PDB file of N, CA and C in Angstrom:
ATOM      1  N   MET A   1     -15.707  -7.254 -22.254  1.00  0.00           N
ATOM      2  CA  MET A   1     -16.253  -6.574 -21.088  1.00  0.00           C
ATOM      3  C   MET A   1     -15.154  -5.736 -20.448  1.00  0.00           C
ATOM      4  N   PRO A   2     -15.262  -4.405 -20.475  1.00  0.00           N
ATOM      5  CA  PRO A   2     -14.224  -3.550 -19.916  1.00  0.00           C
ATOM      6  C   PRO A   2     -14.200  -3.618 -18.394  1.00  0.00           C
ATOM      7  N   THR A   3     -13.036  -3.440 -17.845  1.00  0.00           N
ATOM      8  CA  THR A   3     -12.865  -3.451 -16.389  1.00  0.00           C
ATOM      9  C   THR A   3     -12.023  -2.254 -15.980  1.00  0.00           C
ATOM     10  N   ASP A   4     -12.285  -1.733 -14.814  1.00  0.00           N
ATOM     11  CA  ASP A   4     -11.528  -0.575 -14.348  1.00  0.00           C
ATOM     12  C   ASP A   4     -10.560  -0.948 -13.229  1.00  0.00           C
ATOM     13  N   ILE A   5     -10.237  -2.221 -13.131  1.00  0.00           N
ATOM     14  CA  ILE A   5      -9.296  -2.671 -12.108  1.00  0.00           C
ATOM     15  C   ILE A   5      -7.880  -2.354 -12.575  1.00  0.00           C
ATOM     16  N   GLU A   6      -7.167  -1.619 -11.745  1.00  0.00           N
ATOM     17  CA  GLU A   6      -5.780  -1.310 -12.043  1.00  0.00           C
ATOM     18  C   GLU A   6      -4.925  -1.768 -10.869  1.00  0.00           C
ATOM     19  N   LEU A   7      -3.899  -2.535 -11.164  1.00  0.00           N
ATOM     20  CA  LEU A   7      -3.000  -3.052 -10.138  1.00  0.00           C
ATOM     21  C   LEU A   7      -1.653  -2.355 -10.264  1.00  0.00           C
ATOM     22  N   ILE A   8      -1.067  -2.045  -9.112  1.00  0.00           N
ATOM     23  CA  ILE A   8       0.247  -1.411  -9.100  1.00  0.00           C
ATOM     24  C   ILE A   8       1.130  -2.106  -8.066  1.00  0.00           C
ATOM     25  N   THR A   9       2.420  -1.957  -8.228  1.00  0.00           N
ATOM     26  CA  THR A   9       3.363  -2.534  -7.273  1.00  0.00           C
ATOM     27  C   THR A   9       3.500  -1.619  -6.058  1.00  0.00           C
ATOM     28  N   ILE A  10       4.132  -2.132  -5.035  1.00  0.00           N
ATOM     29  CA  ILE A  10       4.367  -1.313  -3.841  1.00  0.00           C
ATOM     30  C   ILE A  10       5.257  -0.127  -4.188  1.00  0.00           C
ATOM     31  N   ARG A  11       6.262  -0.343  -5.013  1.00  0.00           N
ATOM     32  CA  ARG A  11       7.142   0.760  -5.438  1.00  0.00           C
ATOM     33  C   ARG A  11       6.351   1.851  -6.155  1.00  0.00           C
ATOM     34  N   GLU A  12       5.399   1.457  -6.986  1.00  0.00           N
ATOM     35  CA  GLU A  12       4.577   2.448  -7.678  1.00  0.00           C
ATOM     36  C   GLU A  12       3.708   3.223  -6.692  1.00  0.00           C
ATOM     37  N   CYS A  13       3.273   2.578  -5.623  1.00  0.00           N
ATOM     38  CA  CYS A  13       2.518   3.270  -4.574  1.00  0.00           C
ATOM     39  C   CYS A  13       3.359   4.384  -3.963  1.00  0.00           C
ATOM     40  N   THR A  14       4.620   4.077  -3.690  1.00  0.00           N
ATOM     41  CA  THR A  14       5.489   5.075  -3.061  1.00  0.00           C
ATOM     42  C   THR A  14       5.774   6.242  -3.999  1.00  0.00           C
ATOM     43  N   GLN A  15       5.669   6.028  -5.289  1.00  0.00           N
ATOM     44  CA  GLN A  15       5.876   7.111  -6.252  1.00  0.00           C
ATOM     45  C   GLN A  15       4.646   8.012  -6.360  1.00  0.00           C
ATOM     46  N   LEU A  16       3.473   7.473  -6.054  1.00  0.00           N
ATOM     47  CA  LEU A  16       2.242   8.262  -6.120  1.00  0.00           C
ATOM     48  C   LEU A  16       2.134   9.254  -4.969  1.00  0.00           C
ATOM     49  N   ILE A  17       2.687   8.892  -3.812  1.00  0.00           N
ATOM     50  CA  ILE A  17       2.621   9.760  -2.634  1.00  0.00           C
ATOM     51  C   ILE A  17       4.042   9.983  -2.126  1.00  0.00           C
ATOM     52  N   PRO A  18       4.613  11.142  -2.417  1.00  0.00           N
ATOM     53  CA  PRO A  18       5.989  11.426  -1.991  1.00  0.00           C
ATOM     54  C   PRO A  18       6.152  11.297  -0.473  1.00  0.00           C
ATOM     55  N   GLY A  19       7.238  10.675  -0.076  1.00  0.00           N
ATOM     56  CA  GLY A  19       7.535  10.503   1.340  1.00  0.00           C
ATOM     57  C   GLY A  19       7.003   9.212   1.935  1.00  0.00           C
ATOM     58  N   LEU A  20       6.169   8.506   1.203  1.00  0.00           N
ATOM     59  CA  LEU A  20       5.619   7.243   1.679  1.00  0.00           C
ATOM     60  C   LEU A  20       6.635   6.132   1.420  1.00  0.00           C
ATOM     61  N   SER A  21       6.945   5.363   2.434  1.00  0.00           N
ATOM     62  CA  SER A  21       7.977   4.337   2.288  1.00  0.00           C
ATOM     63  C   SER A  21       7.387   2.997   1.866  1.00  0.00           C
ATOM     64  N   TYR A  22       8.240   2.167   1.319  1.00  0.00           N
ATOM     65  CA  TYR A  22       7.898   0.802   0.927  1.00  0.00           C
ATOM     66  C   TYR A  22       7.339   0.044   2.131  1.00  0.00           C
ATOM     67  N   TYR A  23       7.990   0.203   3.279  1.00  0.00           N
ATOM     68  CA  TYR A  23       7.593  -0.542   4.476  1.00  0.00           C
ATOM     69  C   TYR A  23       6.254  -0.060   5.028  1.00  0.00           C
ATOM     70  N   THR A  24       5.942   1.218   4.851  1.00  0.00           N
ATOM     71  CA  THR A  24       4.642   1.725   5.283  1.00  0.00           C
ATOM     72  C   THR A  24       3.531   1.110   4.446  1.00  0.00           C
ATOM     73  N   VAL A  25       3.741   1.008   3.136  1.00  0.00           N
ATOM     74  CA  VAL A  25       2.743   0.386   2.269  1.00  0.00           C
ATOM     75  C   VAL A  25       2.558  -1.074   2.654  1.00  0.00           C
ATOM     76  N   ARG A  26       3.653  -1.775   2.910  1.00  0.00           N
ATOM     77  CA  ARG A  26       3.556  -3.179   3.346  1.00  0.00           C
ATOM     78  C   ARG A  26       2.745  -3.295   4.634  1.00  0.00           C
ATOM     79  N   SER A  27       2.976  -2.375   5.548  1.00  0.00           N
ATOM     80  CA  SER A  27       2.253  -2.377   6.818  1.00  0.00           C
ATOM     81  C   SER A  27       0.752  -2.141   6.599  1.00  0.00           C
ATOM     82  N   LEU A  28       0.404  -1.216   5.721  1.00  0.00           N
ATOM     83  CA  LEU A  28      -1.002  -0.951   5.409  1.00  0.00           C
ATOM     84  C   LEU A  28      -1.671  -2.197   4.835  1.00  0.00           C
ATOM     85  N   ILE A  29      -0.950  -2.927   4.012  1.00  0.00           N
ATOM     86  CA  ILE A  29      -1.471  -4.160   3.431  1.00  0.00           C
ATOM     87  C   ILE A  29      -1.677  -5.206   4.523  1.00  0.00           C
ATOM     88  N   GLU A  30      -0.681  -5.387   5.374  1.00  0.00           N
ATOM     89  CA  GLU A  30      -0.754  -6.394   6.440  1.00  0.00           C
ATOM     90  C   GLU A  30      -1.895  -6.109   7.409  1.00  0.00           C
ATOM     91  N   ARG A  31      -2.179  -4.831   7.664  1.00  0.00           N
ATOM     92  CA  ARG A  31      -3.261  -4.451   8.570  1.00  0.00           C
ATOM     93  C   ARG A  31      -4.629  -4.466   7.883  1.00  0.00           C
ATOM     94  N   GLY A  32      -4.650  -4.695   6.581  1.00  0.00           N
ATOM     95  CA  GLY A  32      -5.910  -4.733   5.859  1.00  0.00           C
ATOM     96  C   GLY A  32      -6.472  -3.364   5.525  1.00  0.00           C
ATOM     97  N   GLU A  33      -5.646  -2.335   5.625  1.00  0.00           N
ATOM     98  CA  GLU A  33      -6.090  -0.975   5.322  1.00  0.00           C
ATOM     99  C   GLU A  33      -6.269  -0.765   3.823  1.00  0.00           C
ATOM    100  N   ILE A  34      -5.450  -1.437   3.018  1.00  0.00           N
ATOM    101  CA  ILE A  34      -5.578  -1.372   1.566  1.00  0.00           C
ATOM    102  C   ILE A  34      -5.583  -2.798   1.023  1.00  0.00           C
ATOM    103  N   GLN A  35      -6.231  -2.985  -0.112  1.00  0.00           N
ATOM    104  CA  GLN A  35      -6.372  -4.318  -0.687  1.00  0.00           C
ATOM    105  C   GLN A  35      -5.209  -4.634  -1.624  1.00  0.00           C
ATOM    106  N   ALA A  36      -4.692  -5.840  -1.486  1.00  0.00           N
ATOM    107  CA  ALA A  36      -3.587  -6.296  -2.323  1.00  0.00           C
ATOM    108  C   ALA A  36      -3.578  -7.815  -2.316  1.00  0.00           C
ATOM    109  N   PHE A  37      -2.782  -8.385  -3.198  1.00  0.00           N
ATOM    110  CA  PHE A  37      -2.618  -9.833  -3.201  1.00  0.00           C
ATOM    111  C   PHE A  37      -1.230 -10.187  -3.708  1.00  0.00           C
ATOM    112  N   ARG A  38      -0.797 -11.381  -3.362  1.00  0.00           N
ATOM    113  CA  ARG A  38       0.528 -11.866  -3.755  1.00  0.00           C
ATOM    114  C   ARG A  38       0.382 -12.793  -4.952  1.00  0.00           C
ATOM    115  N   THR A  39       1.251 -12.585  -5.928  1.00  0.00           N
ATOM    116  CA  THR A  39       1.319 -13.492  -7.069  1.00  0.00           C
ATOM    117  C   THR A  39       2.576 -14.329  -6.906  1.00  0.00           C
ATOM    118  N   GLY A  40       2.507 -15.589  -7.156  1.00  0.00           N
ATOM    119  CA  GLY A  40       3.676 -16.452  -7.048  1.00  0.00           C
ATOM    120  C   GLY A  40       4.081 -16.685  -5.602  1.00  0.00           C
ATOM    121  N   ARG A  41       5.272 -17.288  -5.448  1.00  0.00           N
ATOM    122  CA  ARG A  41       5.785 -17.605  -4.116  1.00  0.00           C
ATOM    123  C   ARG A  41       7.210 -17.108  -3.962  1.00  0.00           C
ATOM    124  N   GLY A  42       7.564 -16.796  -2.740  1.00  0.00           N
ATOM    125  CA  GLY A  42       8.934 -16.409  -2.417  1.00  0.00           C
ATOM    126  C   GLY A  42       9.465 -15.283  -3.288  1.00  0.00           C
ATOM    127  N   LYS A  43      10.711 -15.410  -3.706  1.00  0.00           N
ATOM    128  CA  LYS A  43      11.360 -14.368  -4.502  1.00  0.00           C
ATOM    129  C   LYS A  43      10.713 -14.185  -5.863  1.00  0.00           C
ATOM    130  N   ASP A  44      10.038 -15.218  -6.346  1.00  0.00           N
ATOM    131  CA  ASP A  44       9.366 -15.119  -7.638  1.00  0.00           C
ATOM    132  C   ASP A  44       8.016 -14.418  -7.525  1.00  0.00           C
ATOM    133  N   GLY A  45       7.541 -14.236  -6.313  1.00  0.00           N
ATOM    134  CA  GLY A  45       6.242 -13.611  -6.098  1.00  0.00           C
ATOM    135  C   GLY A  45       6.335 -12.098  -6.096  1.00  0.00           C
ATOM    136  N   LYS A  46       5.200 -11.486  -6.243  1.00  0.00           N
ATOM    137  CA  LYS A  46       5.123 -10.029  -6.247  1.00  0.00           C
ATOM    138  C   LYS A  46       3.818  -9.644  -5.575  1.00  0.00           C
ATOM    139  N   ILE A  47       3.831  -8.562  -4.824  1.00  0.00           N
ATOM    140  CA  ILE A  47       2.614  -8.055  -4.211  1.00  0.00           C
ATOM    141  C   ILE A  47       2.054  -6.974  -5.118  1.00  0.00           C
ATOM    142  N   LEU A  48       0.792  -7.136  -5.495  1.00  0.00           N
ATOM    143  CA  LEU A  48       0.120  -6.154  -6.328  1.00  0.00           C
ATOM    144  C   LEU A  48      -1.004  -5.516  -5.528  1.00  0.00           C
ATOM    145  N   VAL A  49      -1.089  -4.202  -5.624  1.00  0.00           N
ATOM    146  CA  VAL A  49      -2.038  -3.408  -4.853  1.00  0.00           C
ATOM    147  C   VAL A  49      -3.132  -2.920  -5.795  1.00  0.00           C
ATOM    148  N   TYR A  50      -4.363  -2.964  -5.317  1.00  0.00           N
ATOM    149  CA  TYR A  50      -5.461  -2.375  -6.063  1.00  0.00           C
ATOM    150  C   TYR A  50      -5.333  -0.856  -5.942  1.00  0.00           C
ATOM    151  N   LYS A  51      -5.057  -0.203  -7.060  1.00  0.00           N
ATOM    152  CA  LYS A  51      -4.795   1.238  -7.049  1.00  0.00           C
ATOM    153  C   LYS A  51      -5.964   2.017  -6.446  1.00  0.00           C
ATOM    154  N   ARG A  52      -7.187   1.630  -6.774  1.00  0.00           N
ATOM    155  CA  ARG A  52      -8.357   2.338  -6.239  1.00  0.00           C
ATOM    156  C   ARG A  52      -8.394   2.264  -4.718  1.00  0.00           C
ATOM    157  N   SER A  53      -8.127   1.089  -4.151  1.00  0.00           N
ATOM    158  CA  SER A  53      -8.120   0.910  -2.704  1.00  0.00           C
ATOM    159  C   SER A  53      -7.048   1.782  -2.057  1.00  0.00           C
ATOM    160  N   PHE A  54      -5.886   1.810  -2.680  1.00  0.00           N
ATOM    161  CA  PHE A  54      -4.763   2.598  -2.168  1.00  0.00           C
ATOM    162  C   PHE A  54      -5.107   4.091  -2.148  1.00  0.00           C
ATOM    163  N   LEU A  55      -5.594   4.608  -3.262  1.00  0.00           N
ATOM    164  CA  LEU A  55      -5.912   6.036  -3.341  1.00  0.00           C
ATOM    165  C   LEU A  55      -7.085   6.410  -2.442  1.00  0.00           C
ATOM    166  N   GLU A  56      -8.093   5.552  -2.354  1.00  0.00           N
ATOM    167  CA  GLU A  56      -9.244   5.834  -1.499  1.00  0.00           C
ATOM    168  C   GLU A  56      -8.844   5.926  -0.034  1.00  0.00           C
ATOM    169  N   PHE A  57      -7.875   5.115   0.388  1.00  0.00           N
ATOM    170  CA  PHE A  57      -7.418   5.162   1.772  1.00  0.00           C
ATOM    171  C   PHE A  57      -6.958   6.574   2.131  1.00  0.00           C
ATOM    172  N   PHE A  58      -6.192   7.198   1.247  1.00  0.00           N
ATOM    173  CA  PHE A  58      -5.674   8.526   1.535  1.00  0.00           C
ATOM    174  C   PHE A  58      -6.697   9.620   1.242  1.00  0.00           C
ATOM    175  N   GLU A  59      -7.565   9.415   0.261  1.00  0.00           N
ATOM    176  CA  GLU A  59      -8.608  10.394  -0.027  1.00  0.00           C
ATOM    177  C   GLU A  59      -9.597  10.512   1.125  1.00  0.00           C
ATOM    178  N   LYS A  60      -9.811   9.420   1.843  1.00  0.00           N
ATOM    179  CA  LYS A  60     -10.731   9.416   2.983  1.00  0.00           C
ATOM    180  C   LYS A  60     -10.045   9.857   4.271  1.00  0.00           C
ATOM    181  N   GLY A  61      -8.832  10.366   4.146  1.00  0.00           N
ATOM    182  CA  GLY A  61      -8.117  10.857   5.319  1.00  0.00           C
ATOM    183  C   GLY A  61      -7.432   9.772   6.107  1.00  0.00           C
ATOM    184  N   GLY A  62      -7.076   8.685   5.451  1.00  0.00           N
ATOM    185  CA  GLY A  62      -6.386   7.589   6.123  1.00  0.00           C
ATOM    186  C   GLY A  62      -5.155   8.087   6.857  1.00  0.00           C
ATOM    187  N   GLU A  63      -5.041   7.674   8.070  1.00  0.00           N
ATOM    188  CA  GLU A  63      -3.907   8.097   8.879  1.00  0.00           C
ATOM    189  C   GLU A  63      -2.999   6.920   9.143  1.00  0.00           C
ATOM    190  N   ILE A  64      -1.733   7.190   9.136  1.00  0.00           N
ATOM    191  CA  ILE A  64      -0.727   6.178   9.415  1.00  0.00           C
ATOM    192  C   ILE A  64      -0.160   6.459  10.798  1.00  0.00           C
ATOM    193  N   PRO A  65      -0.265   5.509  11.733  1.00  0.00           N
ATOM    194  CA  PRO A  65       0.249   5.759  13.075  1.00  0.00           C
ATOM    195  C   PRO A  65       1.752   5.993  13.059  1.00  0.00           C
ATOM    196  N   VAL A  66       2.165   6.952  13.848  1.00  0.00           N
ATOM    197  CA  VAL A  66       3.584   7.266  13.962  1.00  0.00           C
ATOM    198  C   VAL A  66       4.064   6.760  15.313  1.00  0.00           C
ATOM    199  N   ASN A  67       5.121   5.972  15.311  1.00  0.00           N
ATOM    200  CA  ASN A  67       5.692   5.501  16.571  1.00  0.00           C
ATOM    201  C   ASN A  67       6.413   6.656  17.235  1.00  0.00           C
ATOM    202  N   GLN A  68       5.896   7.054  18.359  1.00  0.00           N
ATOM    203  CA  GLN A  68       6.516   8.174  19.079  1.00  0.00           C
ATOM    204  C   GLN A  68       7.311   7.607  20.238  1.00  0.00           C
ATOM    205  N   GLN A  69       8.558   8.001  20.302  1.00  0.00           N
ATOM    206  CA  GLN A  69       9.411   7.536  21.381  1.00  0.00           C
ATOM    207  C   GLN A  69       9.517   8.611  22.442  1.00  0.00           C
ATOM    208  N   SER A  70       9.592   8.179  23.656  1.00  0.00           N
ATOM    209  CA  SER A  70       9.750   9.121  24.761  1.00  0.00           C
ATOM    210  C   SER A  70      11.122   9.754  24.706  1.00  0.00           C
ATOM    211  N   THR A  71      11.175  11.043  24.978  1.00  0.00           N
ATOM    212  CA  THR A  71      12.449  11.762  24.962  1.00  0.00           C
ATOM    213  C   THR A  71      12.923  12.085  26.368  1.00  0.00           C
ATOM    214  N   THR A  72      12.485  11.292  27.343  1.00  0.00           N
ATOM    215  CA  THR A  72      12.883  11.566  28.733  1.00  0.00           C
ATOM    216  C   THR A  72      14.196  10.926  29.052  1.00  0.00           C
TER     217      THR A  72
END
């Protein structure tokens, strides 16, 4: 039975969209904006992102909040 599920690492996410940082992808995952899951525990674990979820977030105009600091 064929499946179209493709999983990618956070680093691979940052390579798909230039300028996107590792920490921004982690934040999107933590906020539930993109789907991902952790394999293993601690240093042996890895976070894998559903590529379709990641790309759909940006195709639908997903916006990433920018922390703006006051310049006064």
